[in-house]
């Protein structure tokens, strides 16, 4: 049986490594990957005979094209500033087209950004522009955008919704408002299936769970046997006012208001 080659850009990242693991669990799948520092790869990947690693940054188009050759899909696992996520992806898309790679999975893994205006969430602007860039080249390569809500690990690490020191879940509103959440692991599983499905293209919505903070606290107690505290931070209007005020005061510091 012939093998399928999946190209992964940014192979040393946490999500990329998870994705590679799920792909390699499938028979007859090979991985070509690029990494700035291949020495950072765990031995189970670097020593796997079905994995070929090319040392390259986002501007090394000659090496990237070599890595892309013969791939059935390119997966962008870049994680960086807006320049990398926009210009770096454009170069990767162009190289994929030059090597006749038929499909490209954009570096999204995001909430649904399609109805956002430019500037509403600046970190989503590159996703919108890459969508347009791929749409303009739809006759040369099929773009895939995976929408998985928020990564659970990221949300609880940076949003202030969970205080590990006091085992407290914080919430705005009633605490019953649903959050669309997916773990890194589940998103990697979904992505592996999508990468190997030759018919998959366009926007694909996946989800681990849609759950309120109060229900997360209940699940936490069931899993760990410890009853966490919950703390009300204010109404949804209060949240909106804080977001507007924080963004106005610190417009360039997206981490000050991104989690609100």
C-alpha atoms as a PDB file:
ATOM      1  CA  UNK A   1       0.000   0.000   0.000  1.00  0.00           C
ATOM      2  CA  UNK A   2       1.319   3.442  -0.919  1.00  0.00           C
ATOM      3  CA  UNK A   3       2.146   5.900   1.834  1.00  0.00           C
ATOM      4  CA  UNK A   4       0.748   9.383   2.439  1.00  0.00           C
ATOM      5  CA  UNK A   5       3.121  12.225   3.262  1.00  0.00           C
ATOM      6  CA  UNK A   6       1.959  15.049   5.520  1.00  0.00           C
ATOM      7  CA  UNK A   7       4.076  18.187   5.719  1.00  0.00           C
ATOM      8  CA  UNK A   8       4.135  20.045   9.059  1.00  0.00           C
ATOM      9  CA  UNK A   9       5.716  23.481   9.382  1.00  0.00           C
ATOM     10  CA  UNK A  10       6.956  24.237  12.889  1.00  0.00           C
ATOM     11  CA  UNK A  11       7.348  20.622  13.985  1.00  0.00           C
ATOM     12  CA  UNK A  12       8.904  21.322  17.399  1.00  0.00           C
ATOM     13  CA  UNK A  13       5.826  23.120  18.771  1.00  0.00           C
ATOM     14  CA  UNK A  14       3.614  21.416  21.358  1.00  0.00           C
ATOM     15  CA  UNK A  15       0.590  21.091  19.075  1.00  0.00           C
ATOM     16  CA  UNK A  16       2.676  19.977  16.086  1.00  0.00           C
ATOM     17  CA  UNK A  17       4.277  17.209  18.152  1.00  0.00           C
ATOM     18  CA  UNK A  18       0.867  15.985  19.287  1.00  0.00           C
ATOM     19  CA  UNK A  19      -0.406  16.053  15.708  1.00  0.00           C
ATOM     20  CA  UNK A  20       2.628  14.117  14.500  1.00  0.00           C
ATOM     21  CA  UNK A  21       2.012  11.465  17.146  1.00  0.00           C
ATOM     22  CA  UNK A  22      -1.574  10.896  16.042  1.00  0.00           C
ATOM     23  CA  UNK A  23      -0.580  10.825  12.376  1.00  0.00           C
ATOM     24  CA  UNK A  24       2.140   8.259  13.023  1.00  0.00           C
ATOM     25  CA  UNK A  25      -0.400   6.052  14.804  1.00  0.00           C
ATOM     26  CA  UNK A  26      -1.898   5.573  11.350  1.00  0.00           C
ATOM     27  CA  UNK A  27      -0.304   3.010   9.051  1.00  0.00           C
ATOM     28  CA  UNK A  28       1.473   4.184   5.905  1.00  0.00           C
ATOM     29  CA  UNK A  29       1.737   7.830   6.965  1.00  0.00           C
ATOM     30  CA  UNK A  30       5.017   9.680   6.605  1.00  0.00           C
ATOM     31  CA  UNK A  31       5.815  13.137   7.947  1.00  0.00           C
ATOM     32  CA  UNK A  32       8.077  15.766   6.471  1.00  0.00           C
ATOM     33  CA  UNK A  33       8.576  18.623   8.895  1.00  0.00           C
ATOM     34  CA  UNK A  34      10.512  21.850   9.201  1.00  0.00           C
ATOM     35  CA  UNK A  35      11.972  23.197  12.425  1.00  0.00           C
ATOM     36  CA  UNK A  36      14.373  25.982  13.298  1.00  0.00           C
ATOM     37  CA  UNK A  37      15.988  23.794  15.967  1.00  0.00           C
ATOM     38  CA  UNK A  38      15.501  20.081  15.163  1.00  0.00           C
ATOM     39  CA  UNK A  39      17.511  19.157  18.268  1.00  0.00           C
ATOM     40  CA  UNK A  40      14.454  20.175  20.333  1.00  0.00           C
ATOM     41  CA  UNK A  41      12.416  17.308  18.897  1.00  0.00           C
ATOM     42  CA  UNK A  42      11.788  14.344  21.229  1.00  0.00           C
ATOM     43  CA  UNK A  43      13.562  11.141  20.238  1.00  0.00           C
ATOM     44  CA  UNK A  44      10.300   9.370  19.377  1.00  0.00           C
ATOM     45  CA  UNK A  45       9.994  11.778  16.455  1.00  0.00           C
ATOM     46  CA  UNK A  46      13.599  12.503  15.533  1.00  0.00           C
ATOM     47  CA  UNK A  47      14.474   8.784  15.486  1.00  0.00           C
ATOM     48  CA  UNK A  48      11.299   7.618  13.756  1.00  0.00           C
ATOM     49  CA  UNK A  49      12.084   6.273  10.263  1.00  0.00           C
ATOM     50  CA  UNK A  50       8.794   7.696   8.974  1.00  0.00           C
ATOM     51  CA  UNK A  51       9.736  11.259   9.990  1.00  0.00           C
ATOM     52  CA  UNK A  52      12.077  13.446   7.951  1.00  0.00           C
ATOM     53  CA  UNK A  53      13.085  16.740   9.552  1.00  0.00           C
ATOM     54  CA  UNK A  54      14.427  19.701   7.606  1.00  0.00           C
ATOM     55  CA  UNK A  55      16.129  22.551   9.440  1.00  0.00           C
ATOM     56  CA  UNK A  56      14.552  25.759   8.166  1.00  0.00           C
ATOM     57  CA  UNK A  57      12.960  28.981   9.292  1.00  0.00           C
ATOM     58  CA  UNK A  58       9.956  30.560   7.596  1.00  0.00           C
ATOM     59  CA  UNK A  59      12.138  32.409   5.074  1.00  0.00           C
ATOM     60  CA  UNK A  60      14.170  29.407   3.911  1.00  0.00           C
ATOM     61  CA  UNK A  61      12.004  28.725   0.893  1.00  0.00           C
ATOM     62  CA  UNK A  62      14.474  26.429  -0.839  1.00  0.00           C
ATOM     63  CA  UNK A  63      14.492  23.982   2.080  1.00  0.00           C
ATOM     64  CA  UNK A  64      10.757  24.362   2.645  1.00  0.00           C
ATOM     65  CA  UNK A  65      10.098  23.399  -0.975  1.00  0.00           C
ATOM     66  CA  UNK A  66      12.254  20.287  -0.577  1.00  0.00           C
ATOM     67  CA  UNK A  67      10.263  19.324   2.512  1.00  0.00           C
ATOM     68  CA  UNK A  68       6.945  19.939   0.757  1.00  0.00           C
ATOM     69  CA  UNK A  69       7.775  17.790  -2.262  1.00  0.00           C
ATOM     70  CA  UNK A  70       5.411  14.865  -2.612  1.00  0.00           C
ATOM     71  CA  UNK A  71       3.134  15.904   0.268  1.00  0.00           C
ATOM     72  CA  UNK A  72      -0.629  15.449   0.061  1.00  0.00           C
ATOM     73  CA  UNK A  73      -1.317  18.273   2.529  1.00  0.00           C
ATOM     74  CA  UNK A  74       0.625  21.063   4.228  1.00  0.00           C
ATOM     75  CA  UNK A  75      -0.153  21.893   7.856  1.00  0.00           C
ATOM     76  CA  UNK A  76       0.980  25.236   9.262  1.00  0.00           C
ATOM     77  CA  UNK A  77       1.841  24.960  12.956  1.00  0.00           C
ATOM     78  CA  UNK A  78       3.628  28.290  13.162  1.00  0.00           C
ATOM     79  CA  UNK A  79       3.069  30.224  16.370  1.00  0.00           C
ATOM     80  CA  UNK A  80       4.386  33.756  16.506  1.00  0.00           C
ATOM     81  CA  UNK A  81       3.760  37.410  15.804  1.00  0.00           C
ATOM     82  CA  UNK A  82       1.456  38.772  13.125  1.00  0.00           C
ATOM     83  CA  UNK A  83       4.302  39.000  10.611  1.00  0.00           C
ATOM     84  CA  UNK A  84       5.038  35.286  10.888  1.00  0.00           C
ATOM     85  CA  UNK A  85       1.360  34.336  10.857  1.00  0.00           C
ATOM     86  CA  UNK A  86       0.702  36.470   7.775  1.00  0.00           C
ATOM     87  CA  UNK A  87       3.852  36.833   5.686  1.00  0.00           C
ATOM     88  CA  UNK A  88       5.292  33.511   6.841  1.00  0.00           C
ATOM     89  CA  UNK A  89       2.092  31.717   5.874  1.00  0.00           C
ATOM     90  CA  UNK A  90       1.903  33.463   2.512  1.00  0.00           C
ATOM     91  CA  UNK A  91       5.378  32.184   1.688  1.00  0.00           C
ATOM     92  CA  UNK A  92       4.391  28.708   2.836  1.00  0.00           C
ATOM     93  CA  UNK A  93       1.233  28.759   0.721  1.00  0.00           C
ATOM     94  CA  UNK A  94       3.177  29.940  -2.342  1.00  0.00           C
ATOM     95  CA  UNK A  95       5.774  27.193  -1.831  1.00  0.00           C
ATOM     96  CA  UNK A  96       2.974  24.622  -1.459  1.00  0.00           C
ATOM     97  CA  UNK A  97       1.483  25.749  -4.759  1.00  0.00           C
ATOM     98  CA  UNK A  98       4.880  25.555  -6.453  1.00  0.00           C
ATOM     99  CA  UNK A  99       5.272  21.976  -5.237  1.00  0.00           C
ATOM    100  CA  UNK A 100       1.674  21.144  -6.269  1.00  0.00           C
ATOM    101  CA  UNK A 101       0.517  20.298  -2.753  1.00  0.00           C
ATOM    102  CA  UNK A 102      -3.277  20.112  -3.152  1.00  0.00           C
ATOM    103  CA  UNK A 103      -4.417  21.220   0.345  1.00  0.00           C
ATOM    104  CA  UNK A 104      -3.255  23.624   3.038  1.00  0.00           C
ATOM    105  CA  UNK A 105      -4.364  23.623   6.682  1.00  0.00           C
ATOM    106  CA  UNK A 106      -4.009  27.196   7.892  1.00  0.00           C
ATOM    107  CA  UNK A 107      -2.575  28.051  11.302  1.00  0.00           C
ATOM    108  CA  UNK A 108      -5.979  28.879  12.827  1.00  0.00           C
ATOM    109  CA  UNK A 109      -7.369  26.480  15.482  1.00  0.00           C
ATOM    110  CA  UNK A 110      -9.559  29.292  16.663  1.00  0.00           C
ATOM    111  CA  UNK A 111     -12.986  30.543  17.548  1.00  0.00           C
ATOM    112  CA  UNK A 112     -15.025  31.536  14.504  1.00  0.00           C
ATOM    113  CA  UNK A 113     -13.395  34.736  13.260  1.00  0.00           C
ATOM    114  CA  UNK A 114     -15.320  35.091  10.012  1.00  0.00           C
ATOM    115  CA  UNK A 115     -17.757  37.755  11.229  1.00  0.00           C
ATOM    116  CA  UNK A 116     -15.154  39.805  13.064  1.00  0.00           C
ATOM    117  CA  UNK A 117     -14.202  43.149  11.587  1.00  0.00           C
ATOM    118  CA  UNK A 118     -10.547  43.959  11.090  1.00  0.00           C
ATOM    119  CA  UNK A 119      -9.129  45.361  14.317  1.00  0.00           C
ATOM    120  CA  UNK A 120     -11.821  43.943  16.625  1.00  0.00           C
ATOM    121  CA  UNK A 121      -9.464  41.156  17.676  1.00  0.00           C
ATOM    122  CA  UNK A 122      -6.072  42.044  16.165  1.00  0.00           C
ATOM    123  CA  UNK A 123      -4.666  38.565  16.740  1.00  0.00           C
ATOM    124  CA  UNK A 124      -7.327  37.210  14.368  1.00  0.00           C
ATOM    125  CA  UNK A 125      -6.551  39.661  11.554  1.00  0.00           C
ATOM    126  CA  UNK A 126      -3.849  37.412  10.000  1.00  0.00           C
ATOM    127  CA  UNK A 127      -6.355  34.543   9.921  1.00  0.00           C
ATOM    128  CA  UNK A 128      -8.831  36.675   7.999  1.00  0.00           C
ATOM    129  CA  UNK A 129      -6.145  37.816   5.551  1.00  0.00           C
ATOM    130  CA  UNK A 130      -4.863  34.264   5.025  1.00  0.00           C
ATOM    131  CA  UNK A 131      -8.435  33.155   4.331  1.00  0.00           C
ATOM    132  CA  UNK A 132      -8.648  35.800   1.602  1.00  0.00           C
ATOM    133  CA  UNK A 133      -5.209  34.835   0.276  1.00  0.00           C
ATOM    134  CA  UNK A 134      -6.227  31.185  -0.019  1.00  0.00           C
ATOM    135  CA  UNK A 135      -9.616  32.047  -1.537  1.00  0.00           C
ATOM    136  CA  UNK A 136      -7.830  33.996  -4.281  1.00  0.00           C
ATOM    137  CA  UNK A 137      -5.801  30.859  -5.076  1.00  0.00           C
ATOM    138  CA  UNK A 138      -8.596  28.332  -4.737  1.00  0.00           C
ATOM    139  CA  UNK A 139      -7.949  26.988  -8.224  1.00  0.00           C
ATOM    140  CA  UNK A 140      -4.372  26.107  -7.190  1.00  0.00           C
ATOM    141  CA  UNK A 141      -4.726  24.915  -3.618  1.00  0.00           C
ATOM    142  CA  UNK A 142      -7.630  24.145  -1.272  1.00  0.00           C
ATOM    143  CA  UNK A 143      -7.564  25.992   2.027  1.00  0.00           C
ATOM    144  CA  UNK A 144      -8.701  24.357   5.265  1.00  0.00           C
ATOM    145  CA  UNK A 145      -9.560  26.321   8.406  1.00  0.00           C
ATOM    146  CA  UNK A 146     -10.189  24.422  11.639  1.00  0.00           C
ATOM    147  CA  UNK A 147     -12.463  26.174  14.128  1.00  0.00           C
ATOM    148  CA  UNK A 148     -12.330  24.568  17.572  1.00  0.00           C
ATOM    149  CA  UNK A 149     -13.427  27.384  19.860  1.00  0.00           C
ATOM    150  CA  UNK A 150     -10.794  28.171  22.478  1.00  0.00           C
ATOM    151  CA  UNK A 151      -7.985  25.885  23.522  1.00  0.00           C
ATOM    152  CA  UNK A 152      -8.945  24.882  27.050  1.00  0.00           C
ATOM    153  CA  UNK A 153      -5.357  24.984  28.302  1.00  0.00           C
ATOM    154  CA  UNK A 154      -4.792  28.489  26.937  1.00  0.00           C
ATOM    155  CA  UNK A 155      -8.093  29.897  28.165  1.00  0.00           C
ATOM    156  CA  UNK A 156      -7.629  28.854  31.759  1.00  0.00           C
ATOM    157  CA  UNK A 157      -3.961  29.821  31.784  1.00  0.00           C
ATOM    158  CA  UNK A 158      -4.382  33.402  30.535  1.00  0.00           C
ATOM    159  CA  UNK A 159      -7.974  34.522  31.069  1.00  0.00           C
ATOM    160  CA  UNK A 160      -8.030  34.758  34.837  1.00  0.00           C
ATOM    161  CA  UNK A 161     -10.933  32.308  34.963  1.00  0.00           C
ATOM    162  CA  UNK A 162      -8.974  29.907  37.138  1.00  0.00           C
ATOM    163  CA  UNK A 163      -6.670  30.640  40.078  1.00  0.00           C
ATOM    164  CA  UNK A 164      -4.550  27.567  40.699  1.00  0.00           C
ATOM    165  CA  UNK A 165      -3.158  28.882  44.001  1.00  0.00           C
ATOM    166  CA  UNK A 166      -6.590  29.186  45.622  1.00  0.00           C
ATOM    167  CA  UNK A 167      -8.383  26.547  43.499  1.00  0.00           C
ATOM    168  CA  UNK A 168     -10.938  29.154  42.465  1.00  0.00           C
ATOM    169  CA  UNK A 169     -12.963  29.394  39.267  1.00  0.00           C
ATOM    170  CA  UNK A 170     -13.864  33.005  38.457  1.00  0.00           C
ATOM    171  CA  UNK A 171     -16.761  33.977  36.240  1.00  0.00           C
ATOM    172  CA  UNK A 172     -18.658  36.905  34.782  1.00  0.00           C
ATOM    173  CA  UNK A 173     -22.411  36.876  34.252  1.00  0.00           C
ATOM    174  CA  UNK A 174     -24.292  33.884  35.604  1.00  0.00           C
ATOM    175  CA  UNK A 175     -21.505  31.350  35.199  1.00  0.00           C
ATOM    176  CA  UNK A 176     -23.819  29.283  33.014  1.00  0.00           C
ATOM    177  CA  UNK A 177     -22.850  30.974  29.742  1.00  0.00           C
ATOM    178  CA  UNK A 178     -21.422  28.327  27.439  1.00  0.00           C
ATOM    179  CA  UNK A 179     -17.777  28.388  26.414  1.00  0.00           C
ATOM    180  CA  UNK A 180     -16.719  26.423  23.332  1.00  0.00           C
ATOM    181  CA  UNK A 181     -13.589  24.579  24.424  1.00  0.00           C
ATOM    182  CA  UNK A 182     -11.272  21.973  22.943  1.00  0.00           C
ATOM    183  CA  UNK A 183      -8.086  20.556  24.425  1.00  0.00           C
ATOM    184  CA  UNK A 184      -4.826  20.494  22.471  1.00  0.00           C
ATOM    185  CA  UNK A 185      -5.036  16.717  22.410  1.00  0.00           C
ATOM    186  CA  UNK A 186      -8.548  16.552  20.953  1.00  0.00           C
ATOM    187  CA  UNK A 187      -7.760  19.256  18.394  1.00  0.00           C
ATOM    188  CA  UNK A 188      -4.685  17.294  17.316  1.00  0.00           C
ATOM    189  CA  UNK A 189      -6.803  14.151  16.892  1.00  0.00           C
ATOM    190  CA  UNK A 190      -9.344  16.032  14.768  1.00  0.00           C
ATOM    191  CA  UNK A 191      -6.578  17.620  12.696  1.00  0.00           C
ATOM    192  CA  UNK A 192      -4.948  14.263  11.976  1.00  0.00           C
ATOM    193  CA  UNK A 193      -8.243  12.934  10.601  1.00  0.00           C
ATOM    194  CA  UNK A 194      -8.796  16.077   8.537  1.00  0.00           C
ATOM    195  CA  UNK A 195      -5.255  15.984   7.153  1.00  0.00           C
ATOM    196  CA  UNK A 196      -5.754  12.442   5.889  1.00  0.00           C
ATOM    197  CA  UNK A 197      -9.242  13.061   4.453  1.00  0.00           C
ATOM    198  CA  UNK A 198      -8.577  14.069   0.862  1.00  0.00           C
ATOM    199  CA  UNK A 199     -12.104  15.490   0.538  1.00  0.00           C
ATOM    200  CA  UNK A 200     -11.777  17.837   3.527  1.00  0.00           C
ATOM    201  CA  UNK A 201     -11.558  21.527   2.683  1.00  0.00           C
ATOM    202  CA  UNK A 202     -12.985  24.904   3.646  1.00  0.00           C
ATOM    203  CA  UNK A 203     -14.077  25.767   7.193  1.00  0.00           C
ATOM    204  CA  UNK A 204     -14.407  22.759   9.478  1.00  0.00           C
ATOM    205  CA  UNK A 205     -15.891  23.161  12.953  1.00  0.00           C
ATOM    206  CA  UNK A 206     -14.862  20.759  15.704  1.00  0.00           C
ATOM    207  CA  UNK A 207     -15.506  20.967  19.427  1.00  0.00           C
ATOM    208  CA  UNK A 208     -14.480  19.231  22.615  1.00  0.00           C
ATOM    209  CA  UNK A 209     -17.334  20.622  24.729  1.00  0.00           C
ATOM    210  CA  UNK A 210     -19.615  23.602  25.222  1.00  0.00           C
ATOM    211  CA  UNK A 211     -19.722  24.198  28.955  1.00  0.00           C
ATOM    212  CA  UNK A 212     -20.223  26.917  31.572  1.00  0.00           C
ATOM    213  CA  UNK A 213     -17.704  27.779  34.280  1.00  0.00           C
ATOM    214  CA  UNK A 214     -19.942  26.430  37.052  1.00  0.00           C
ATOM    215  CA  UNK A 215     -20.125  23.085  35.246  1.00  0.00           C
ATOM    216  CA  UNK A 216     -16.339  23.126  34.813  1.00  0.00           C
ATOM    217  CA  UNK A 217     -16.053  23.501  38.595  1.00  0.00           C
ATOM    218  CA  UNK A 218     -18.327  20.477  39.088  1.00  0.00           C
ATOM    219  CA  UNK A 219     -16.247  18.445  36.620  1.00  0.00           C
ATOM    220  CA  UNK A 220     -13.093  19.494  38.445  1.00  0.00           C
ATOM    221  CA  UNK A 221     -14.473  18.200  41.756  1.00  0.00           C
ATOM    222  CA  UNK A 222     -15.516  14.911  40.160  1.00  0.00           C
ATOM    223  CA  UNK A 223     -12.075  14.460  38.601  1.00  0.00           C
ATOM    224  CA  UNK A 224      -9.868  15.506  41.514  1.00  0.00           C
ATOM    225  CA  UNK A 225     -12.044  14.964  44.572  1.00  0.00           C
ATOM    226  CA  UNK A 226     -11.532  18.563  45.676  1.00  0.00           C
ATOM    227  CA  UNK A 227     -14.354  21.096  45.811  1.00  0.00           C
ATOM    228  CA  UNK A 228     -13.120  24.313  44.189  1.00  0.00           C
ATOM    229  CA  UNK A 229     -14.346  27.757  45.103  1.00  0.00           C
ATOM    230  CA  UNK A 230     -16.236  29.933  42.636  1.00  0.00           C
ATOM    231  CA  UNK A 231     -16.128  33.709  42.556  1.00  0.00           C
ATOM    232  CA  UNK A 232     -18.421  36.123  40.734  1.00  0.00           C
ATOM    233  CA  UNK A 233     -16.499  38.980  39.106  1.00  0.00           C
ATOM    234  CA  UNK A 234     -19.453  41.009  37.836  1.00  0.00           C
ATOM    235  CA  UNK A 235     -22.104  41.184  35.148  1.00  0.00           C
ATOM    236  CA  UNK A 236     -21.494  40.760  31.424  1.00  0.00           C
ATOM    237  CA  UNK A 237     -21.905  44.536  31.115  1.00  0.00           C
ATOM    238  CA  UNK A 238     -19.165  44.945  33.712  1.00  0.00           C
ATOM    239  CA  UNK A 239     -16.966  42.623  31.661  1.00  0.00           C
ATOM    240  CA  UNK A 240     -17.616  44.648  28.516  1.00  0.00           C
ATOM    241  CA  UNK A 241     -16.784  47.906  30.281  1.00  0.00           C
ATOM    242  CA  UNK A 242     -13.552  46.460  31.662  1.00  0.00           C
ATOM    243  CA  UNK A 243     -12.550  45.164  28.230  1.00  0.00           C
ATOM    244  CA  UNK A 244     -13.169  48.548  26.581  1.00  0.00           C
ATOM    245  CA  UNK A 245     -11.350  50.463  29.327  1.00  0.00           C
ATOM    246  CA  UNK A 246      -8.359  48.109  29.421  1.00  0.00           C
ATOM    247  CA  UNK A 247      -7.977  48.110  25.667  1.00  0.00           C
ATOM    248  CA  UNK A 248      -8.223  51.900  25.549  1.00  0.00           C
ATOM    249  CA  UNK A 249      -5.575  52.254  28.250  1.00  0.00           C
ATOM    250  CA  UNK A 250      -3.228  49.618  26.791  1.00  0.00           C
ATOM    251  CA  UNK A 251      -4.051  49.245  23.075  1.00  0.00           C
ATOM    252  CA  UNK A 252      -0.689  47.684  22.177  1.00  0.00           C
ATOM    253  CA  UNK A 253      -0.633  45.241  25.090  1.00  0.00           C
ATOM    254  CA  UNK A 254      -3.050  42.635  23.775  1.00  0.00           C
ATOM    255  CA  UNK A 255      -2.256  40.297  26.664  1.00  0.00           C
ATOM    256  CA  UNK A 256      -3.805  42.814  29.066  1.00  0.00           C
ATOM    257  CA  UNK A 257      -7.229  42.448  27.476  1.00  0.00           C
ATOM    258  CA  UNK A 258      -7.092  39.375  25.222  1.00  0.00           C
ATOM    259  CA  UNK A 259      -8.449  37.053  27.922  1.00  0.00           C
ATOM    260  CA  UNK A 260     -11.379  39.269  28.863  1.00  0.00           C
END
